N, C-alpha and C. Protein backbone atom coordinates (compact mmCIF):
# COMPACT_ATOMS: atom_id res chain seq x y z
N UNK A 1 15.84 23.57 -9.67
CA UNK A 1 14.64 22.80 -9.50
C UNK A 1 15.01 21.43 -8.93
N UNK A 2 14.27 21.00 -7.94
CA UNK A 2 14.54 19.71 -7.30
C UNK A 2 14.01 18.56 -8.15
N UNK A 3 14.48 17.37 -7.83
CA UNK A 3 14.05 16.19 -8.56
C UNK A 3 12.66 15.74 -8.14
N UNK A 4 11.92 15.19 -9.10
CA UNK A 4 10.62 14.60 -8.83
C UNK A 4 10.82 13.25 -8.15
N UNK A 5 10.02 12.98 -7.12
CA UNK A 5 10.10 11.70 -6.41
C UNK A 5 8.71 11.09 -6.30
N UNK A 6 8.67 9.76 -6.31
CA UNK A 6 7.42 9.03 -6.10
C UNK A 6 7.30 8.67 -4.63
N UNK A 7 6.10 8.82 -4.11
CA UNK A 7 5.81 8.50 -2.72
C UNK A 7 4.49 7.74 -2.69
N UNK A 8 4.41 6.70 -1.86
CA UNK A 8 3.16 5.98 -1.71
C UNK A 8 2.46 6.44 -0.44
N UNK A 9 1.23 6.94 -0.59
CA UNK A 9 0.39 7.28 0.55
C UNK A 9 -0.33 6.01 0.97
N UNK A 10 -0.18 5.60 2.23
CA UNK A 10 -0.82 4.39 2.72
C UNK A 10 -1.99 4.75 3.63
N UNK A 11 -2.84 3.77 3.87
CA UNK A 11 -3.99 4.01 4.75
C UNK A 11 -3.66 3.72 6.21
N UNK A 12 -2.43 3.28 6.48
CA UNK A 12 -2.07 2.91 7.85
C UNK A 12 -1.30 4.00 8.60
N UNK A 13 -0.69 4.93 7.87
CA UNK A 13 0.08 5.98 8.55
C UNK A 13 0.20 7.21 7.67
N UNK A 14 0.52 8.32 8.30
CA UNK A 14 0.77 9.57 7.58
C UNK A 14 2.19 9.54 7.02
N UNK A 15 2.35 10.06 5.81
CA UNK A 15 3.65 10.11 5.14
C UNK A 15 4.03 11.56 4.93
N UNK A 16 5.25 11.93 5.33
CA UNK A 16 5.70 13.31 5.12
C UNK A 16 6.11 13.48 3.66
N UNK A 17 5.64 14.56 3.06
CA UNK A 17 5.95 14.88 1.67
C UNK A 17 7.01 15.97 1.58
N UNK A 18 6.91 16.96 2.45
CA UNK A 18 7.85 18.08 2.41
C UNK A 18 7.94 18.73 3.78
N UNK A 19 9.10 19.30 4.08
CA UNK A 19 9.32 20.06 5.31
C UNK A 19 9.60 21.51 4.91
N UNK A 20 8.88 22.44 5.52
CA UNK A 20 8.98 23.83 5.15
C UNK A 20 10.27 24.50 5.59
N UNK A 21 10.64 25.54 4.92
CA UNK A 21 9.88 26.15 3.85
C UNK A 21 9.96 25.32 2.57
N UNK A 22 8.82 25.09 1.94
CA UNK A 22 8.79 24.27 0.74
C UNK A 22 7.53 24.55 -0.07
N UNK A 23 7.64 24.34 -1.36
CA UNK A 23 6.48 24.43 -2.24
C UNK A 23 6.68 23.43 -3.37
N UNK A 24 5.59 23.05 -3.98
CA UNK A 24 5.68 22.10 -5.07
C UNK A 24 4.33 21.62 -5.52
N UNK A 25 4.35 20.56 -6.32
CA UNK A 25 3.13 20.01 -6.91
C UNK A 25 3.05 18.53 -6.61
N UNK A 26 1.92 18.10 -6.02
CA UNK A 26 1.64 16.69 -5.80
C UNK A 26 0.68 16.23 -6.88
N UNK A 27 0.98 15.11 -7.50
CA UNK A 27 0.11 14.54 -8.52
C UNK A 27 -0.24 13.12 -8.12
N UNK A 28 -1.53 12.81 -8.11
CA UNK A 28 -1.98 11.46 -7.79
C UNK A 28 -1.86 10.60 -9.04
N UNK A 29 -1.17 9.48 -8.91
CA UNK A 29 -0.97 8.58 -10.04
C UNK A 29 -1.96 7.41 -10.00
N UNK A 30 -2.85 7.42 -9.02
CA UNK A 30 -3.82 6.34 -8.90
C UNK A 30 -5.17 6.88 -8.50
N UNK A 31 -6.10 5.97 -8.31
CA UNK A 31 -7.44 6.37 -7.88
C UNK A 31 -7.58 6.06 -6.41
N UNK A 32 -8.07 7.00 -5.67
CA UNK A 32 -8.25 6.84 -4.25
C UNK A 32 -8.30 8.20 -3.59
N UNK A 33 -8.88 8.25 -2.42
CA UNK A 33 -9.01 9.51 -1.69
C UNK A 33 -7.79 9.69 -0.80
N UNK A 34 -7.21 10.86 -0.87
CA UNK A 34 -6.03 11.20 -0.10
C UNK A 34 -6.38 12.33 0.87
N UNK A 35 -5.97 12.18 2.12
CA UNK A 35 -6.06 13.28 3.08
C UNK A 35 -4.74 14.02 3.07
N UNK A 36 -4.81 15.32 3.11
CA UNK A 36 -3.64 16.20 3.06
C UNK A 36 -3.63 17.02 4.34
N UNK A 37 -2.47 17.18 4.93
CA UNK A 37 -2.41 17.93 6.18
C UNK A 37 -1.13 18.76 6.23
N UNK A 38 -1.27 20.01 6.64
CA UNK A 38 -0.12 20.87 6.93
C UNK A 38 -0.08 21.03 8.44
N UNK A 39 1.05 20.66 9.05
CA UNK A 39 1.15 20.73 10.50
C UNK A 39 2.63 20.74 10.89
N UNK A 40 2.92 21.08 12.12
CA UNK A 40 4.31 21.13 12.58
C UNK A 40 4.81 19.78 13.09
N UNK A 41 3.90 18.83 13.34
CA UNK A 41 4.34 17.52 13.83
C UNK A 41 3.54 16.40 13.18
N UNK A 42 4.12 15.22 13.19
CA UNK A 42 3.50 14.05 12.57
C UNK A 42 2.21 13.69 13.28
N UNK A 43 1.11 13.57 12.54
CA UNK A 43 -0.15 13.16 13.16
C UNK A 43 -0.10 11.69 13.58
N UNK A 44 -0.89 11.31 14.55
CA UNK A 44 -1.02 9.90 14.92
C UNK A 44 -1.68 9.16 13.76
N UNK A 45 -1.34 7.88 13.55
CA UNK A 45 -1.92 7.12 12.44
C UNK A 45 -3.45 7.13 12.43
N UNK A 46 -4.06 7.18 13.59
CA UNK A 46 -5.52 7.14 13.67
C UNK A 46 -6.20 8.48 13.42
N UNK A 47 -5.42 9.56 13.38
CA UNK A 47 -6.01 10.89 13.21
C UNK A 47 -6.53 11.09 11.79
N UNK A 48 -7.83 11.36 11.70
CA UNK A 48 -8.41 11.68 10.40
C UNK A 48 -9.25 12.95 10.47
N UNK A 49 -9.33 13.55 11.64
CA UNK A 49 -10.07 14.80 11.82
C UNK A 49 -9.13 15.84 12.42
N UNK A 50 -9.30 17.11 12.04
CA UNK A 50 -8.46 18.14 12.62
C UNK A 50 -8.75 18.36 14.10
N UNK A 51 -7.71 18.51 14.89
CA UNK A 51 -7.87 18.75 16.32
C UNK A 51 -8.16 20.23 16.60
N UNK A 52 -7.72 21.11 15.72
CA UNK A 52 -8.03 22.53 15.84
C UNK A 52 -7.95 23.17 14.46
N UNK A 53 -8.32 24.40 14.36
CA UNK A 53 -8.51 25.04 13.05
C UNK A 53 -7.22 25.23 12.26
N UNK A 54 -6.05 25.15 12.89
CA UNK A 54 -4.82 25.34 12.15
C UNK A 54 -4.38 24.08 11.41
N UNK A 55 -5.04 22.97 11.67
CA UNK A 55 -4.71 21.75 10.95
C UNK A 55 -5.62 21.66 9.73
N UNK A 56 -5.03 21.49 8.57
CA UNK A 56 -5.76 21.60 7.32
C UNK A 56 -5.85 20.24 6.64
N UNK A 57 -7.05 19.76 6.39
CA UNK A 57 -7.27 18.50 5.69
C UNK A 57 -7.94 18.78 4.36
N UNK A 58 -7.68 17.96 3.38
CA UNK A 58 -8.28 18.16 2.08
C UNK A 58 -8.27 16.86 1.31
N UNK A 59 -9.35 16.58 0.58
CA UNK A 59 -9.35 15.49 -0.38
C UNK A 59 -8.64 15.99 -1.62
N UNK A 60 -7.58 15.31 -2.01
CA UNK A 60 -6.78 15.79 -3.14
C UNK A 60 -7.50 15.60 -4.46
N UNK A 61 -7.37 16.57 -5.34
CA UNK A 61 -7.74 16.44 -6.73
C UNK A 61 -6.56 15.73 -7.41
N UNK A 62 -6.63 15.44 -8.71
CA UNK A 62 -5.49 14.76 -9.35
C UNK A 62 -4.15 15.49 -9.16
N UNK A 63 -4.21 16.83 -9.04
CA UNK A 63 -3.00 17.60 -8.75
C UNK A 63 -3.31 18.61 -7.66
N UNK A 64 -2.31 18.88 -6.82
CA UNK A 64 -2.49 19.81 -5.72
C UNK A 64 -1.18 20.52 -5.45
N UNK A 65 -1.21 21.84 -5.39
CA UNK A 65 -0.02 22.63 -5.06
C UNK A 65 0.06 22.84 -3.56
N UNK A 66 1.26 22.75 -3.02
CA UNK A 66 1.47 23.05 -1.60
C UNK A 66 2.50 24.14 -1.48
N UNK A 67 2.42 24.87 -0.38
CA UNK A 67 3.36 25.94 -0.08
C UNK A 67 3.34 26.14 1.43
N UNK A 68 4.35 25.66 2.12
CA UNK A 68 4.38 25.74 3.58
C UNK A 68 5.57 26.56 4.05
N UNK A 69 5.37 27.21 5.17
CA UNK A 69 6.40 28.04 5.79
C UNK A 69 7.33 27.20 6.63
N UNK A 70 8.42 27.79 7.06
CA UNK A 70 9.36 27.11 7.95
C UNK A 70 8.62 26.64 9.20
N UNK A 71 8.92 25.42 9.62
CA UNK A 71 8.29 24.85 10.80
C UNK A 71 7.03 24.06 10.50
N UNK A 72 6.55 24.13 9.28
CA UNK A 72 5.37 23.37 8.87
C UNK A 72 5.79 22.25 7.92
N UNK A 73 5.07 21.14 7.97
CA UNK A 73 5.34 20.00 7.09
C UNK A 73 4.08 19.65 6.33
N UNK A 74 4.25 18.93 5.25
CA UNK A 74 3.14 18.44 4.44
C UNK A 74 3.06 16.92 4.63
N UNK A 75 1.88 16.43 5.04
CA UNK A 75 1.65 15.01 5.25
C UNK A 75 0.48 14.54 4.39
N UNK A 76 0.52 13.29 3.96
CA UNK A 76 -0.60 12.69 3.23
C UNK A 76 -0.90 11.31 3.81
N UNK A 77 -2.16 10.90 3.65
CA UNK A 77 -2.59 9.57 4.08
C UNK A 77 -3.73 9.14 3.17
N UNK A 78 -3.67 7.90 2.69
CA UNK A 78 -4.76 7.36 1.88
C UNK A 78 -5.91 6.96 2.79
N UNK A 79 -7.12 7.06 2.29
CA UNK A 79 -8.29 6.72 3.10
C UNK A 79 -8.53 5.23 3.14
N UNK A 80 -8.50 4.55 1.98
CA UNK A 80 -8.83 3.12 2.01
C UNK A 80 -7.81 2.23 1.34
N UNK A 81 -7.13 2.71 0.32
CA UNK A 81 -6.11 1.89 -0.35
C UNK A 81 -4.90 2.76 -0.68
N UNK A 82 -3.75 2.12 -0.82
CA UNK A 82 -2.52 2.85 -1.14
C UNK A 82 -2.65 3.60 -2.46
N UNK A 83 -2.08 4.79 -2.51
CA UNK A 83 -2.11 5.60 -3.72
C UNK A 83 -0.70 6.12 -3.98
N UNK A 84 -0.23 5.97 -5.21
CA UNK A 84 1.07 6.49 -5.62
C UNK A 84 0.95 7.96 -5.94
N UNK A 85 1.85 8.77 -5.37
CA UNK A 85 1.90 10.20 -5.63
C UNK A 85 3.24 10.57 -6.23
N UNK A 86 3.24 11.55 -7.09
CA UNK A 86 4.47 12.13 -7.59
C UNK A 86 4.62 13.51 -6.97
N UNK A 87 5.75 13.76 -6.32
CA UNK A 87 6.03 15.04 -5.67
C UNK A 87 7.09 15.77 -6.48
N UNK A 88 6.72 16.93 -7.01
CA UNK A 88 7.65 17.75 -7.78
C UNK A 88 7.87 19.06 -7.04
N UNK A 89 8.93 19.13 -6.23
CA UNK A 89 9.22 20.38 -5.51
C UNK A 89 9.61 21.49 -6.48
N UNK A 90 9.30 22.74 -6.08
CA UNK A 90 9.70 23.91 -6.90
C UNK A 90 11.18 24.14 -6.76
């Protein structure tokens, strides 16, 4: 089992959480809306809408499980204020 790490999701840029193949649990340690995206490349900081159907966005609940295949990454971005996340890889 990998170590748990803290990551801050900011509203200014996308932050990579995991590179596939990977799975784990993201837990929000603060209050705020988080955008979640699975994609093969880093989104532009201004991107908040999916460009096509394979890009997946989601408002995170307090906990969210991810599971991505090789070649896919997990990115997060806060909507209005920084939010601390705990990432616990499987």
